[in-house]
Amino acid sequence: GFRHYTVADCEFNSSKLNDIEYTQSYYYNKLEIVRFSSSVGKFVGYTEYGIKNAERWNNGPEVIARRGEKERYCFHNVGIDVEAALTKS
């Protein structure tokens, strides 16, 4: 069978919004086909299929939705993670 999955990730050095990068990668059979990165601000395709999807998503509402994820998802959760780490150290 075939396997399709996505991975969303928040990388951070501090709880400041500028120090956070949000990425969402789409995989098919262990091969990354397309990725959104908040530092790039758009989708980038890595395969023929991924390039076609990136072009379509960058011209649609998908790119706008992903641009807001850094603040909506990462910023909120990074604050919780930093607080939890500081209380345990």
C-alpha atoms as a PDB file:
ATOM      1  CA  GLY A   1       0.000   0.000   0.000  1.00  0.00           C
ATOM      2  CA  PHE A   2       0.843   3.650  -0.153  1.00  0.00           C
ATOM      3  CA  ARG A   3       1.254   5.987   2.775  1.00  0.00           C
ATOM      4  CA  HIS A   4       0.505   9.705   2.851  1.00  0.00           C
ATOM      5  CA  TYR A   5       1.133  11.792   5.962  1.00  0.00           C
ATOM      6  CA  THR A   6       1.907  15.328   7.112  1.00  0.00           C
ATOM      7  CA  VAL A   7       4.247  16.597   9.801  1.00  0.00           C
ATOM      8  CA  ALA A   8       3.788  20.011  11.429  1.00  0.00           C
ATOM      9  CA  ASP A   9       6.730  21.360  13.393  1.00  0.00           C
ATOM     10  CA  CYS A  10       7.586  24.408  15.479  1.00  0.00           C
ATOM     11  CA  GLU A  11      11.290  25.096  15.932  1.00  0.00           C
ATOM     12  CA  PHE A  12      12.240  27.793  18.413  1.00  0.00           C
ATOM     13  CA  ASN A  13      15.115  29.317  20.378  1.00  0.00           C
ATOM     14  CA  SER A  14      12.913  31.414  22.663  1.00  0.00           C
ATOM     15  CA  SER A  15       9.246  32.202  23.170  1.00  0.00           C
ATOM     16  CA  LYS A  16       9.533  35.349  21.004  1.00  0.00           C
ATOM     17  CA  LEU A  17       7.537  35.164  17.779  1.00  0.00           C
ATOM     18  CA  ASN A  18      10.584  36.115  15.664  1.00  0.00           C
ATOM     19  CA  ASP A  19      12.530  33.110  17.029  1.00  0.00           C
ATOM     20  CA  ILE A  20       9.908  30.580  15.919  1.00  0.00           C
ATOM     21  CA  GLU A  21       9.685  28.788  12.582  1.00  0.00           C
ATOM     22  CA  TYR A  22       6.603  26.809  11.595  1.00  0.00           C
ATOM     23  CA  THR A  23       6.875  24.114   8.933  1.00  0.00           C
ATOM     24  CA  GLN A  24       4.364  21.667   7.565  1.00  0.00           C
ATOM     25  CA  SER A  25       5.658  18.890   5.312  1.00  0.00           C
ATOM     26  CA  TYR A  26       3.636  16.507   3.177  1.00  0.00           C
ATOM     27  CA  TYR A  27       5.038  13.031   2.505  1.00  0.00           C
ATOM     28  CA  TYR A  28       4.114  10.223   0.154  1.00  0.00           C
ATOM     29  CA  ASN A  29       5.849   6.862   0.632  1.00  0.00           C
ATOM     30  CA  LYS A  30       8.538   8.428   2.868  1.00  0.00           C
ATOM     31  CA  LEU A  31       9.383  11.071   0.246  1.00  0.00           C
ATOM     32  CA  GLU A  32       8.732  14.723   1.064  1.00  0.00           C
ATOM     33  CA  ILE A  33       6.694  16.139  -1.792  1.00  0.00           C
ATOM     34  CA  VAL A  34       5.830  19.663  -0.593  1.00  0.00           C
ATOM     35  CA  ARG A  35       6.569  21.903   2.408  1.00  0.00           C
ATOM     36  CA  PHE A  36       5.287  25.154   3.849  1.00  0.00           C
ATOM     37  CA  SER A  37       7.816  27.151   5.873  1.00  0.00           C
ATOM     38  CA  SER A  38       6.957  30.327   7.766  1.00  0.00           C
ATOM     39  CA  SER A  39      10.431  31.712   7.040  1.00  0.00           C
ATOM     40  CA  VAL A  40       9.834  31.341   3.276  1.00  0.00           C
ATOM     41  CA  GLY A  41       6.147  32.269   3.553  1.00  0.00           C
ATOM     42  CA  LYS A  42       4.919  29.887   0.872  1.00  0.00           C
ATOM     43  CA  PHE A  43       4.732  26.258  -0.223  1.00  0.00           C
ATOM     44  CA  VAL A  44       7.717  24.721  -2.021  1.00  0.00           C
ATOM     45  CA  GLY A  45       7.400  21.512  -4.043  1.00  0.00           C
ATOM     46  CA  TYR A  46      10.117  18.860  -4.236  1.00  0.00           C
ATOM     47  CA  THR A  47       8.583  16.465  -6.759  1.00  0.00           C
ATOM     48  CA  GLU A  48       6.585  17.014  -9.945  1.00  0.00           C
ATOM     49  CA  TYR A  49       3.350  16.404  -8.028  1.00  0.00           C
ATOM     50  CA  GLY A  50       4.529  18.616  -5.139  1.00  0.00           C
ATOM     51  CA  ILE A  51       5.457  21.486  -7.451  1.00  0.00           C
ATOM     52  CA  LYS A  52       1.985  21.429  -9.033  1.00  0.00           C
ATOM     53  CA  ASN A  53       0.315  21.446  -5.614  1.00  0.00           C
ATOM     54  CA  ALA A  54       2.623  24.200  -4.314  1.00  0.00           C
ATOM     55  CA  GLU A  55       1.712  26.436  -7.267  1.00  0.00           C
ATOM     56  CA  ARG A  56      -1.999  25.845  -6.723  1.00  0.00           C
ATOM     57  CA  TRP A  57      -1.830  26.311  -2.932  1.00  0.00           C
ATOM     58  CA  ASN A  58       0.303  29.470  -3.193  1.00  0.00           C
ATOM     59  CA  ASN A  59      -2.436  31.039  -5.319  1.00  0.00           C
ATOM     60  CA  GLY A  60      -5.294  29.978  -3.066  1.00  0.00           C
ATOM     61  CA  PRO A  61      -6.529  30.296   0.504  1.00  0.00           C
ATOM     62  CA  GLU A  62      -4.208  27.503   1.703  1.00  0.00           C
ATOM     63  CA  VAL A  63      -1.142  29.769   1.853  1.00  0.00           C
ATOM     64  CA  ILE A  64      -3.031  32.417   3.850  1.00  0.00           C
ATOM     65  CA  ALA A  65      -4.173  29.793   6.360  1.00  0.00           C
ATOM     66  CA  ARG A  66      -0.637  28.418   6.804  1.00  0.00           C
ATOM     67  CA  ARG A  67       0.864  31.883   7.318  1.00  0.00           C
ATOM     68  CA  GLY A  68      -1.312  32.273  10.414  1.00  0.00           C
ATOM     69  CA  GLU A  69      -0.263  28.940  11.954  1.00  0.00           C
ATOM     70  CA  LYS A  70       3.012  30.274  13.350  1.00  0.00           C
ATOM     71  CA  GLU A  71       1.139  32.652  15.625  1.00  0.00           C
ATOM     72  CA  ARG A  72      -1.977  30.541  16.202  1.00  0.00           C
ATOM     73  CA  TYR A  73      -0.359  27.172  16.835  1.00  0.00           C
ATOM     74  CA  CYS A  74       3.337  27.644  17.569  1.00  0.00           C
ATOM     75  CA  PHE A  75       3.338  30.844  19.605  1.00  0.00           C
ATOM     76  CA  HIS A  76       0.690  29.506  21.988  1.00  0.00           C
ATOM     77  CA  ASN A  77       2.303  26.078  22.444  1.00  0.00           C
ATOM     78  CA  VAL A  78       5.899  27.310  22.621  1.00  0.00           C
ATOM     79  CA  GLY A  79       4.941  29.467  25.608  1.00  0.00           C
ATOM     80  CA  ILE A  80       3.531  26.398  27.343  1.00  0.00           C
ATOM     81  CA  ASP A  81       6.606  24.288  26.489  1.00  0.00           C
ATOM     82  CA  VAL A  82       9.080  26.948  27.662  1.00  0.00           C
ATOM     83  CA  GLU A  83       7.209  27.410  30.941  1.00  0.00           C
ATOM     84  CA  ALA A  84       7.104  23.649  31.534  1.00  0.00           C
ATOM     85  CA  ALA A  85      10.843  23.317  30.828  1.00  0.00           C
ATOM     86  CA  LEU A  86      11.763  26.197  33.125  1.00  0.00           C
ATOM     87  CA  THR A  87       9.790  24.794  36.051  1.00  0.00           C
ATOM     88  CA  LYS A  88      11.589  21.435  35.744  1.00  0.00           C
ATOM     89  CA  SER A  89      15.147  22.732  35.504  1.00  0.00           C
END
